[in-house]
Amino acid sequence: METTSGQSTRRTVQRDDASALEQNGNTHRSHTSIVIRRLSRSPQGLVGAVILGLLVLMALAAPLIAPYDPLEMSIVDQFKAPSTENFFGTDEFGRDVFSRVIHGARISLRVGLMATLIAVGGGTVLGLVSGYFGRWIDSAGQKVMDTLLAFPGLLLALAIIAVLGPGLRNVLIALGIGGMPYYARLVRGQVLSIKEREFIEAARVAGARHPRIMIRHILPNTVSPLIVVGSLDLGWNILAAASLSFIGLGAQPPTPEWGFMLSGGRDFMRDQWWISTFPGIAIVLAVLSFNLLGDGLRDAFDPQSRD
């Protein structure tokens, strides 16, 4: 009789847990629609989304939009001013700057995205495990994060690149590792408050194992702040990658990357201003779009905002 009663109680708890999960899923869908509606009413969010959409479209359609090969050199065409033939002029090697800026969107956006994904993925795993299990795991994880946070972001990236060597792949790895501590701290704080709630206790009583609780129940509740911080971090990573390429540690010749193009045109700013100006404008627009979109997402996810 006691065994039957225990099984009945267990089935009841499981049904209640399943009902709670279904209700939680409906709540998330409702919350998503509210966020989208709030974002559509945010002027800065809409402007950022439009600019970003145009940059992404330009990157995806680069082979169709670019009128020339971004790597093709022509000595007779060097230092041509902007015209109907070359919209952004040509550089010191006769390469079309407009074509290089368009293809550079592919590189810069990809580096920023991959670096952010590495930081978000690694930081989320570290913060989730550290916050959930606590004790010595949390203590060890926080010591590692404190060590990484002791270095400024670019200085840490420079140190990692000094070990790995220059190149875009090593740049995104360095920026990703440098960004992990911030996401680990963010997720850890969320986990510490979420793991004590009633629905987590219900999942434990129902027999859910630790990986299932972390992935199915806790992780979805940390997504909102990750999206906001990640969108802002994308712009910073693009700017940081361009900075590293500017000093020769990122993109290598003849890669059409915005930061490297800025570096290539700095010796000709007095007379051939267009070589550096247009890549610089592209960097500004990319960073501005992510900052505006991040501000809009922050307001949209704010629970105190009015619908």
C-alpha atoms as a PDB file:
ATOM      1  CA  MET A   1       0.000   0.000   0.000  1.00  0.00           C
ATOM      2  CA  GLU A   2       2.830   2.392   0.838  1.00  0.00           C
ATOM      3  CA  THR A   3       4.529   1.600  -2.483  1.00  0.00           C
ATOM      4  CA  THR A   4       1.304   2.214  -4.394  1.00  0.00           C
ATOM      5  CA  SER A   5       0.736   5.464  -2.507  1.00  0.00           C
ATOM      6  CA  GLY A   6       4.293   6.577  -3.273  1.00  0.00           C
ATOM      7  CA  GLN A   7       3.921   5.811  -6.976  1.00  0.00           C
ATOM      8  CA  SER A   8       0.613   7.685  -7.035  1.00  0.00           C
ATOM      9  CA  THR A   9       2.205  10.699  -5.371  1.00  0.00           C
ATOM     10  CA  ARG A  10       5.076  10.571  -7.836  1.00  0.00           C
ATOM     11  CA  ARG A  11       2.711  10.463 -10.842  1.00  0.00           C
ATOM     12  CA  THR A  12       0.753  13.383  -9.388  1.00  0.00           C
ATOM     13  CA  VAL A  13       3.927  15.424  -8.965  1.00  0.00           C
ATOM     14  CA  GLN A  14       5.011  14.550 -12.511  1.00  0.00           C
ATOM     15  CA  ARG A  15       1.646  15.661 -13.896  1.00  0.00           C
ATOM     16  CA  ASP A  16       1.894  18.881 -11.939  1.00  0.00           C
ATOM     17  CA  ASP A  17       5.426  19.393 -13.208  1.00  0.00           C
ATOM     18  CA  ALA A  18       4.351  18.756 -16.800  1.00  0.00           C
ATOM     19  CA  SER A  19       1.488  21.192 -16.366  1.00  0.00           C
ATOM     20  CA  ALA A  20       3.886  23.759 -14.957  1.00  0.00           C
ATOM     21  CA  LEU A  21       6.247  23.239 -17.901  1.00  0.00           C
ATOM     22  CA  GLU A  22       3.414  23.721 -20.376  1.00  0.00           C
ATOM     23  CA  GLN A  23       2.302  26.868 -18.585  1.00  0.00           C
ATOM     24  CA  ASN A  24       5.914  28.054 -18.501  1.00  0.00           C
ATOM     25  CA  GLY A  25       6.204  27.487 -22.262  1.00  0.00           C
ATOM     26  CA  ASN A  26       3.046  29.496 -22.890  1.00  0.00           C
ATOM     27  CA  THR A  27       4.423  32.241 -20.647  1.00  0.00           C
ATOM     28  CA  HIS A  28       7.666  32.345 -22.645  1.00  0.00           C
ATOM     29  CA  ARG A  29       5.750  32.614 -25.937  1.00  0.00           C
ATOM     30  CA  SER A  30       3.621  35.391 -24.498  1.00  0.00           C
ATOM     31  CA  HIS A  31       6.732  37.139 -23.177  1.00  0.00           C
ATOM     32  CA  THR A  32       8.386  36.906 -26.614  1.00  0.00           C
ATOM     33  CA  SER A  33       5.414  38.566 -28.296  1.00  0.00           C
ATOM     34  CA  ILE A  34       5.489  41.343 -25.684  1.00  0.00           C
ATOM     35  CA  VAL A  35       9.222  41.902 -26.278  1.00  0.00           C
ATOM     36  CA  ILE A  36       8.709  42.100 -30.045  1.00  0.00           C
ATOM     37  CA  ARG A  37       5.855  44.555 -29.612  1.00  0.00           C
ATOM     38  CA  ARG A  38       7.922  46.747 -27.270  1.00  0.00           C
ATOM     39  CA  LEU A  39      10.922  46.626 -29.614  1.00  0.00           C
ATOM     40  CA  SER A  40       8.751  47.694 -32.574  1.00  0.00           C
ATOM     41  CA  ARG A  41       7.778  50.791 -30.577  1.00  0.00           C
ATOM     42  CA  SER A  42      11.386  51.681 -29.727  1.00  0.00           C
ATOM     43  CA  PRO A  43      12.829  54.303 -32.125  1.00  0.00           C
ATOM     44  CA  GLN A  44      16.454  53.459 -31.350  1.00  0.00           C
ATOM     45  CA  GLY A  45      15.768  49.732 -31.568  1.00  0.00           C
ATOM     46  CA  LEU A  46      14.112  50.097 -34.975  1.00  0.00           C
ATOM     47  CA  VAL A  47      16.919  52.296 -36.320  1.00  0.00           C
ATOM     48  CA  GLY A  48      19.519  49.810 -35.090  1.00  0.00           C
ATOM     49  CA  ALA A  49      17.617  46.879 -36.580  1.00  0.00           C
ATOM     50  CA  VAL A  50      17.291  48.627 -39.958  1.00  0.00           C
ATOM     51  CA  ILE A  51      20.987  49.548 -40.148  1.00  0.00           C
ATOM     52  CA  LEU A  52      22.010  46.056 -39.055  1.00  0.00           C
ATOM     53  CA  GLY A  53      19.623  44.484 -41.556  1.00  0.00           C
ATOM     54  CA  LEU A  54      21.167  46.508 -44.386  1.00  0.00           C
ATOM     55  CA  LEU A  55      24.694  45.531 -43.308  1.00  0.00           C
ATOM     56  CA  VAL A  56      23.765  41.855 -43.111  1.00  0.00           C
ATOM     57  CA  LEU A  57      22.061  42.027 -46.517  1.00  0.00           C
ATOM     58  CA  MET A  58      25.145  43.727 -47.945  1.00  0.00           C
ATOM     59  CA  ALA A  59      27.383  41.011 -46.505  1.00  0.00           C
ATOM     60  CA  LEU A  60      25.234  38.159 -47.798  1.00  0.00           C
ATOM     61  CA  ALA A  61      24.919  39.662 -51.292  1.00  0.00           C
ATOM     62  CA  ALA A  62      28.520  40.918 -51.514  1.00  0.00           C
ATOM     63  CA  PRO A  63      29.428  38.896 -54.655  1.00  0.00           C
ATOM     64  CA  LEU A  64      26.346  40.298 -56.411  1.00  0.00           C
ATOM     65  CA  ILE A  65      26.667  43.906 -55.228  1.00  0.00           C
ATOM     66  CA  ALA A  66      30.435  44.437 -55.514  1.00  0.00           C
ATOM     67  CA  PRO A  67      31.258  45.713 -59.024  1.00  0.00           C
ATOM     68  CA  TYR A  68      34.901  44.550 -58.885  1.00  0.00           C
ATOM     69  CA  ASP A  69      37.052  41.847 -57.377  1.00  0.00           C
ATOM     70  CA  PRO A  70      38.145  43.202 -53.965  1.00  0.00           C
ATOM     71  CA  LEU A  71      41.612  41.650 -54.398  1.00  0.00           C
ATOM     72  CA  GLU A  72      42.254  42.689 -57.995  1.00  0.00           C
ATOM     73  CA  MET A  73      45.122  45.169 -58.258  1.00  0.00           C
ATOM     74  CA  SER A  74      45.791  47.661 -61.039  1.00  0.00           C
ATOM     75  CA  ILE A  75      48.716  50.061 -60.899  1.00  0.00           C
ATOM     76  CA  VAL A  76      47.204  52.339 -63.549  1.00  0.00           C
ATOM     77  CA  ASP A  77      44.045  52.764 -61.423  1.00  0.00           C
ATOM     78  CA  GLN A  78      45.692  53.611 -58.104  1.00  0.00           C
ATOM     79  CA  PHE A  79      44.498  56.590 -56.034  1.00  0.00           C
ATOM     80  CA  LYS A  80      41.417  57.308 -58.125  1.00  0.00           C
ATOM     81  CA  ALA A  81      38.986  59.663 -56.390  1.00  0.00           C
ATOM     82  CA  PRO A  82      35.343  58.615 -55.820  1.00  0.00           C
ATOM     83  CA  SER A  83      33.418  58.695 -59.100  1.00  0.00           C
ATOM     84  CA  THR A  84      30.611  56.912 -60.952  1.00  0.00           C
ATOM     85  CA  GLU A  85      33.156  54.292 -62.018  1.00  0.00           C
ATOM     86  CA  ASN A  86      34.546  53.724 -58.539  1.00  0.00           C
ATOM     87  CA  PHE A  87      31.991  54.873 -55.969  1.00  0.00           C
ATOM     88  CA  PHE A  88      34.491  54.981 -53.076  1.00  0.00           C
ATOM     89  CA  GLY A  89      37.605  55.489 -55.182  1.00  0.00           C
ATOM     90  CA  THR A  90      40.620  53.176 -55.321  1.00  0.00           C
ATOM     91  CA  ASP A  91      43.503  52.535 -52.937  1.00  0.00           C
ATOM     92  CA  GLU A  92      47.274  52.570 -53.390  1.00  0.00           C
ATOM     93  CA  PHE A  93      47.132  49.259 -55.273  1.00  0.00           C
ATOM     94  CA  GLY A  94      44.301  50.285 -57.566  1.00  0.00           C
ATOM     95  CA  ARG A  95      41.730  48.096 -55.768  1.00  0.00           C
ATOM     96  CA  ASP A  96      38.139  49.297 -55.664  1.00  0.00           C
ATOM     97  CA  VAL A  97      37.413  50.550 -52.131  1.00  0.00           C
ATOM     98  CA  PHE A  98      33.641  50.129 -52.513  1.00  0.00           C
ATOM     99  CA  SER A  99      34.035  46.422 -53.340  1.00  0.00           C
ATOM    100  CA  ARG A 100      36.453  45.951 -50.456  1.00  0.00           C
ATOM    101  CA  VAL A 101      34.111  47.656 -47.967  1.00  0.00           C
ATOM    102  CA  ILE A 102      31.218  45.427 -49.060  1.00  0.00           C
ATOM    103  CA  HIS A 103      33.268  42.236 -48.755  1.00  0.00           C
ATOM    104  CA  GLY A 104      34.721  43.541 -45.501  1.00  0.00           C
ATOM    105  CA  ALA A 105      31.207  43.451 -44.015  1.00  0.00           C
ATOM    106  CA  ARG A 106      31.316  39.662 -44.299  1.00  0.00           C
ATOM    107  CA  ILE A 107      34.580  39.434 -42.397  1.00  0.00           C
ATOM    108  CA  SER A 108      33.892  41.998 -39.691  1.00  0.00           C
ATOM    109  CA  LEU A 109      30.363  40.786 -38.916  1.00  0.00           C
ATOM    110  CA  ARG A 110      31.488  37.159 -38.875  1.00  0.00           C
ATOM    111  CA  VAL A 111      34.395  37.875 -36.523  1.00  0.00           C
ATOM    112  CA  GLY A 112      32.156  39.879 -34.186  1.00  0.00           C
ATOM    113  CA  LEU A 113      29.478  37.177 -34.196  1.00  0.00           C
ATOM    114  CA  MET A 114      31.858  34.256 -33.682  1.00  0.00           C
ATOM    115  CA  ALA A 115      33.760  36.015 -30.886  1.00  0.00           C
ATOM    116  CA  THR A 116      30.483  36.814 -29.120  1.00  0.00           C
ATOM    117  CA  LEU A 117      29.226  33.235 -29.527  1.00  0.00           C
ATOM    118  CA  ILE A 118      32.444  31.881 -28.005  1.00  0.00           C
ATOM    119  CA  ALA A 119      32.149  34.288 -25.069  1.00  0.00           C
ATOM    120  CA  VAL A 120      28.436  33.599 -24.530  1.00  0.00           C
ATOM    121  CA  GLY A 121      28.770  29.824 -24.904  1.00  0.00           C
ATOM    122  CA  GLY A 122      31.802  29.416 -22.673  1.00  0.00           C
ATOM    123  CA  GLY A 123      30.634  31.941 -20.095  1.00  0.00           C
ATOM    124  CA  THR A 124      27.147  30.425 -19.923  1.00  0.00           C
ATOM    125  CA  VAL A 125      28.488  26.927 -19.295  1.00  0.00           C
ATOM    126  CA  LEU A 126      30.906  28.137 -16.622  1.00  0.00           C
ATOM    127  CA  GLY A 127      28.307  30.316 -14.904  1.00  0.00           C
ATOM    128  CA  LEU A 128      25.633  27.628 -15.053  1.00  0.00           C
ATOM    129  CA  VAL A 129      27.812  24.906 -13.554  1.00  0.00           C
ATOM    130  CA  SER A 130      29.397  27.222 -11.004  1.00  0.00           C
ATOM    131  CA  GLY A 131      26.125  28.726  -9.781  1.00  0.00           C
ATOM    132  CA  TYR A 132      24.192  25.451  -9.695  1.00  0.00           C
ATOM    133  CA  PHE A 133      26.663  23.198  -7.882  1.00  0.00           C
ATOM    134  CA  GLY A 134      28.352  25.851  -5.719  1.00  0.00           C
ATOM    135  CA  ARG A 135      30.913  24.866  -3.084  1.00  0.00           C
ATOM    136  CA  TRP A 136      34.445  24.179  -4.393  1.00  0.00           C
ATOM    137  CA  ILE A 137      33.313  24.213  -8.023  1.00  0.00           C
ATOM    138  CA  ASP A 138      31.959  27.735  -7.600  1.00  0.00           C
ATOM    139  CA  SER A 139      35.052  28.833  -5.678  1.00  0.00           C
ATOM    140  CA  ALA A 140      37.442  27.503  -8.343  1.00  0.00           C
ATOM    141  CA  GLY A 141      35.410  28.961 -11.176  1.00  0.00           C
ATOM    142  CA  GLN A 142      35.263  32.395  -9.564  1.00  0.00           C
ATOM    143  CA  LYS A 143      39.015  32.444  -9.008  1.00  0.00           C
ATOM    144  CA  VAL A 144      39.585  31.753 -12.714  1.00  0.00           C
ATOM    145  CA  MET A 145      37.094  34.483 -13.662  1.00  0.00           C
ATOM    146  CA  ASP A 146      38.694  36.959 -11.246  1.00  0.00           C
ATOM    147  CA  THR A 147      42.091  36.266 -12.814  1.00  0.00           C
ATOM    148  CA  LEU A 148      40.775  36.963 -16.319  1.00  0.00           C
ATOM    149  CA  LEU A 149      38.886  40.065 -15.159  1.00  0.00           C
ATOM    150  CA  ALA A 150      42.110  41.469 -13.732  1.00  0.00           C
ATOM    151  CA  PHE A 151      43.232  42.226 -17.304  1.00  0.00           C
ATOM    152  CA  PRO A 152      41.561  44.843 -19.530  1.00  0.00           C
ATOM    153  CA  GLY A 153      39.789  43.246 -22.489  1.00  0.00           C
ATOM    154  CA  LEU A 154      42.158  44.388 -25.235  1.00  0.00           C
ATOM    155  CA  LEU A 155      45.251  43.735 -23.110  1.00  0.00           C
ATOM    156  CA  LEU A 156      44.103  40.150 -22.500  1.00  0.00           C
ATOM    157  CA  ALA A 157      43.406  39.749 -26.231  1.00  0.00           C
ATOM    158  CA  LEU A 158      46.896  41.040 -27.019  1.00  0.00           C
ATOM    159  CA  ALA A 159      48.424  38.536 -24.610  1.00  0.00           C
ATOM    160  CA  ILE A 160      46.490  35.628 -26.141  1.00  0.00           C
ATOM    161  CA  ILE A 161      47.380  36.698 -29.696  1.00  0.00           C
ATOM    162  CA  ALA A 162      51.025  36.974 -28.650  1.00  0.00           C
ATOM    163  CA  VAL A 163      50.854  33.270 -27.781  1.00  0.00           C
ATOM    164  CA  LEU A 164      48.687  32.086 -30.699  1.00  0.00           C
ATOM    165  CA  GLY A 165      50.062  34.441 -33.357  1.00  0.00           C
ATOM    166  CA  PRO A 166      48.351  37.078 -35.534  1.00  0.00           C
ATOM    167  CA  GLY A 167      45.329  36.277 -37.696  1.00  0.00           C
ATOM    168  CA  LEU A 168      41.564  36.677 -37.700  1.00  0.00           C
ATOM    169  CA  ARG A 169      40.931  33.209 -36.268  1.00  0.00           C
ATOM    170  CA  ASN A 170      43.166  33.908 -33.296  1.00  0.00           C
ATOM    171  CA  VAL A 171      41.553  37.340 -32.870  1.00  0.00           C
ATOM    172  CA  LEU A 172      38.072  35.881 -32.474  1.00  0.00           C
ATOM    173  CA  ILE A 173      39.407  33.226 -30.085  1.00  0.00           C
ATOM    174  CA  ALA A 174      41.160  35.909 -28.012  1.00  0.00           C
ATOM    175  CA  LEU A 175      38.093  38.165 -27.906  1.00  0.00           C
ATOM    176  CA  GLY A 176      35.860  35.196 -27.075  1.00  0.00           C
ATOM    177  CA  ILE A 177      38.032  34.105 -24.152  1.00  0.00           C
ATOM    178  CA  GLY A 178      38.299  37.689 -22.931  1.00  0.00           C
ATOM    179  CA  GLY A 179      34.508  38.051 -22.877  1.00  0.00           C
ATOM    180  CA  MET A 180      33.751  34.801 -21.033  1.00  0.00           C
ATOM    181  CA  PRO A 181      34.120  36.132 -17.467  1.00  0.00           C
ATOM    182  CA  TYR A 182      31.398  38.758 -17.924  1.00  0.00           C
ATOM    183  CA  TYR A 183      28.851  36.209 -19.126  1.00  0.00           C
ATOM    184  CA  ALA A 184      29.915  33.702 -16.475  1.00  0.00           C
ATOM    185  CA  ARG A 185      29.274  36.286 -13.746  1.00  0.00           C
ATOM    186  CA  LEU A 186      25.947  37.259 -15.322  1.00  0.00           C
ATOM    187  CA  VAL A 187      24.676  33.679 -15.624  1.00  0.00           C
ATOM    188  CA  ARG A 188      25.966  32.689 -12.187  1.00  0.00           C
ATOM    189  CA  GLY A 189      23.991  35.497 -10.563  1.00  0.00           C
ATOM    190  CA  GLN A 190      20.841  34.432 -12.397  1.00  0.00           C
ATOM    191  CA  VAL A 191      21.322  30.763 -11.447  1.00  0.00           C
ATOM    192  CA  LEU A 192      21.824  31.524  -7.758  1.00  0.00           C
ATOM    193  CA  SER A 193      18.392  33.157  -7.594  1.00  0.00           C
ATOM    194  CA  ILE A 194      16.561  30.738  -9.891  1.00  0.00           C
ATOM    195  CA  LYS A 195      17.725  27.442  -8.398  1.00  0.00           C
ATOM    196  CA  GLU A 196      15.927  28.157  -5.099  1.00  0.00           C
ATOM    197  CA  ARG A 197      12.508  28.669  -6.673  1.00  0.00           C
ATOM    198  CA  GLU A 198       9.569  26.300  -6.275  1.00  0.00           C
ATOM    199  CA  PHE A 199       9.511  24.916  -9.827  1.00  0.00           C
ATOM    200  CA  ILE A 200      13.133  23.787  -9.465  1.00  0.00           C
ATOM    201  CA  GLU A 201      12.243  21.942  -6.262  1.00  0.00           C
ATOM    202  CA  ALA A 202       9.283  20.383  -8.081  1.00  0.00           C
ATOM    203  CA  ALA A 203      11.593  19.164 -10.842  1.00  0.00           C
ATOM    204  CA  ARG A 204      13.929  17.590  -8.271  1.00  0.00           C
ATOM    205  CA  VAL A 205      11.037  15.856  -6.522  1.00  0.00           C
ATOM    206  CA  ALA A 206       9.849  14.535  -9.891  1.00  0.00           C
ATOM    207  CA  GLY A 207      13.219  12.842 -10.350  1.00  0.00           C
ATOM    208  CA  ALA A 208      14.815  15.192 -12.869  1.00  0.00           C
ATOM    209  CA  ARG A 209      18.593  14.890 -13.009  1.00  0.00           C
ATOM    210  CA  HIS A 210      20.973  17.810 -12.676  1.00  0.00           C
ATOM    211  CA  PRO A 211      21.717  18.234 -16.438  1.00  0.00           C
ATOM    212  CA  ARG A 212      17.983  18.269 -17.233  1.00  0.00           C
ATOM    213  CA  ILE A 213      17.246  20.801 -14.492  1.00  0.00           C
ATOM    214  CA  MET A 214      20.046  23.101 -15.663  1.00  0.00           C
ATOM    215  CA  ILE A 215      19.226  22.916 -19.379  1.00  0.00           C
ATOM    216  CA  ARG A 216      15.441  22.564 -19.302  1.00  0.00           C
ATOM    217  CA  HIS A 217      14.468  24.668 -16.299  1.00  0.00           C
ATOM    218  CA  ILE A 218      17.260  27.126 -15.401  1.00  0.00           C
ATOM    219  CA  LEU A 219      18.949  28.003 -18.700  1.00  0.00           C
ATOM    220  CA  PRO A 220      15.812  29.379 -20.459  1.00  0.00           C
ATOM    221  CA  ASN A 221      15.361  31.868 -17.621  1.00  0.00           C
ATOM    222  CA  THR A 222      18.833  33.356 -18.258  1.00  0.00           C
ATOM    223  CA  VAL A 223      18.318  34.012 -21.979  1.00  0.00           C
ATOM    224  CA  SER A 224      16.906  37.556 -21.736  1.00  0.00           C
ATOM    225  CA  PRO A 225      19.953  39.230 -20.132  1.00  0.00           C
ATOM    226  CA  LEU A 226      22.268  37.209 -22.395  1.00  0.00           C
ATOM    227  CA  ILE A 227      20.527  38.549 -25.502  1.00  0.00           C
ATOM    228  CA  VAL A 228      20.771  42.151 -24.304  1.00  0.00           C
ATOM    229  CA  VAL A 229      24.417  41.975 -23.241  1.00  0.00           C
ATOM    230  CA  GLY A 230      25.363  39.902 -26.291  1.00  0.00           C
ATOM    231  CA  SER A 231      23.846  42.410 -28.717  1.00  0.00           C
ATOM    232  CA  LEU A 232      25.872  45.201 -27.110  1.00  0.00           C
ATOM    233  CA  ASP A 233      28.991  43.033 -27.035  1.00  0.00           C
ATOM    234  CA  LEU A 234      28.761  42.352 -30.782  1.00  0.00           C
ATOM    235  CA  GLY A 235      29.502  45.984 -31.534  1.00  0.00           C
ATOM    236  CA  TRP A 236      32.421  46.035 -29.099  1.00  0.00           C
ATOM    237  CA  ASN A 237      33.913  42.879 -30.643  1.00  0.00           C
ATOM    238  CA  ILE A 238      33.714  44.356 -34.151  1.00  0.00           C
ATOM    239  CA  LEU A 239      35.475  47.484 -32.913  1.00  0.00           C
ATOM    240  CA  ALA A 240      38.078  45.460 -30.994  1.00  0.00           C
ATOM    241  CA  ALA A 241      38.773  43.211 -34.009  1.00  0.00           C
ATOM    242  CA  ALA A 242      39.183  46.295 -36.202  1.00  0.00           C
ATOM    243  CA  SER A 243      41.572  47.784 -33.631  1.00  0.00           C
ATOM    244  CA  LEU A 244      43.701  44.637 -33.578  1.00  0.00           C
ATOM    245  CA  SER A 245      43.744  44.525 -37.383  1.00  0.00           C
ATOM    246  CA  PHE A 246      44.727  48.200 -37.436  1.00  0.00           C
ATOM    247  CA  ILE A 247      47.946  47.425 -35.543  1.00  0.00           C
ATOM    248  CA  GLY A 248      48.661  44.356 -37.680  1.00  0.00           C
ATOM    249  CA  LEU A 249      47.568  41.568 -35.325  1.00  0.00           C
ATOM    250  CA  GLY A 250      44.273  40.708 -37.010  1.00  0.00           C
ATOM    251  CA  ALA A 251      43.565  40.500 -40.734  1.00  0.00           C
ATOM    252  CA  GLN A 252      46.618  40.019 -42.920  1.00  0.00           C
ATOM    253  CA  PRO A 253      47.182  41.314 -46.497  1.00  0.00           C
ATOM    254  CA  PRO A 254      45.299  41.342 -48.805  1.00  0.00           C
ATOM    255  CA  THR A 255      42.175  40.586 -46.699  1.00  0.00           C
ATOM    256  CA  PRO A 256      39.473  43.276 -47.159  1.00  0.00           C
ATOM    257  CA  GLU A 257      38.798  43.824 -43.447  1.00  0.00           C
ATOM    258  CA  TRP A 258      37.639  47.243 -42.263  1.00  0.00           C
ATOM    259  CA  GLY A 259      40.295  47.740 -39.579  1.00  0.00           C
ATOM    260  CA  PHE A 260      43.088  46.637 -41.895  1.00  0.00           C
ATOM    261  CA  MET A 261      41.767  48.987 -44.606  1.00  0.00           C
ATOM    262  CA  LEU A 262      41.871  51.845 -42.098  1.00  0.00           C
ATOM    263  CA  SER A 263      45.476  51.019 -41.340  1.00  0.00           C
ATOM    264  CA  GLY A 264      46.386  50.850 -45.019  1.00  0.00           C
ATOM    265  CA  GLY A 265      44.990  54.311 -45.743  1.00  0.00           C
ATOM    266  CA  ARG A 266      46.389  56.207 -42.742  1.00  0.00           C
ATOM    267  CA  ASP A 267      49.502  57.307 -44.659  1.00  0.00           C
ATOM    268  CA  PHE A 268      47.367  58.881 -47.392  1.00  0.00           C
ATOM    269  CA  MET A 269      44.776  60.748 -45.302  1.00  0.00           C
ATOM    270  CA  ARG A 270      45.855  64.203 -46.490  1.00  0.00           C
ATOM    271  CA  ASP A 271      45.258  63.667 -50.219  1.00  0.00           C
ATOM    272  CA  GLN A 272      43.527  60.260 -50.584  1.00  0.00           C
ATOM    273  CA  TRP A 273      41.102  60.564 -47.674  1.00  0.00           C
ATOM    274  CA  TRP A 274      38.595  58.092 -49.103  1.00  0.00           C
ATOM    275  CA  ILE A 275      40.822  55.039 -48.515  1.00  0.00           C
ATOM    276  CA  SER A 276      40.311  55.220 -44.740  1.00  0.00           C
ATOM    277  CA  THR A 277      37.121  57.265 -44.510  1.00  0.00           C
ATOM    278  CA  PHE A 278      34.668  54.769 -45.973  1.00  0.00           C
ATOM    279  CA  PRO A 279      35.890  51.718 -43.960  1.00  0.00           C
ATOM    280  CA  GLY A 280      35.755  53.952 -40.878  1.00  0.00           C
ATOM    281  CA  ILE A 281      32.154  54.913 -41.641  1.00  0.00           C
ATOM    282  CA  ALA A 282      31.300  51.215 -42.041  1.00  0.00           C
ATOM    283  CA  ILE A 283      32.746  50.443 -38.599  1.00  0.00           C
ATOM    284  CA  VAL A 284      30.812  53.329 -37.048  1.00  0.00           C
ATOM    285  CA  LEU A 285      27.533  52.172 -38.607  1.00  0.00           C
ATOM    286  CA  ALA A 286      28.060  48.553 -37.509  1.00  0.00           C
ATOM    287  CA  VAL A 287      28.883  49.476 -33.902  1.00  0.00           C
ATOM    288  CA  LEU A 288      26.083  52.053 -33.802  1.00  0.00           C
ATOM    289  CA  SER A 289      23.520  49.528 -35.067  1.00  0.00           C
ATOM    290  CA  PHE A 290      24.344  47.015 -32.339  1.00  0.00           C
ATOM    291  CA  ASN A 291      24.376  49.685 -29.630  1.00  0.00           C
ATOM    292  CA  LEU A 292      20.988  51.050 -30.693  1.00  0.00           C
ATOM    293  CA  LEU A 293      19.529  47.557 -31.024  1.00  0.00           C
ATOM    294  CA  GLY A 294      20.964  46.587 -27.627  1.00  0.00           C
ATOM    295  CA  ASP A 295      19.381  49.649 -26.006  1.00  0.00           C
ATOM    296  CA  GLY A 296      16.044  48.780 -27.605  1.00  0.00           C
ATOM    297  CA  LEU A 297      16.267  45.167 -26.434  1.00  0.00           C
ATOM    298  CA  ARG A 298      17.164  46.285 -22.907  1.00  0.00           C
ATOM    299  CA  ASP A 299      14.044  48.429 -22.734  1.00  0.00           C
ATOM    300  CA  ALA A 300      11.945  45.678 -24.332  1.00  0.00           C
ATOM    301  CA  PHE A 301      13.055  43.056 -21.793  1.00  0.00           C
ATOM    302  CA  ASP A 302      12.603  45.432 -18.856  1.00  0.00           C
ATOM    303  CA  PRO A 303       9.699  44.024 -16.786  1.00  0.00           C
ATOM    304  CA  GLN A 304       8.830  47.531 -15.589  1.00  0.00           C
ATOM    305  CA  SER A 305       8.286  48.809 -19.128  1.00  0.00           C
ATOM    306  CA  ARG A 306       4.724  49.492 -20.183  1.00  0.00           C
ATOM    307  CA  ASP A 307       3.266  47.461 -23.036  1.00  0.00           C
END
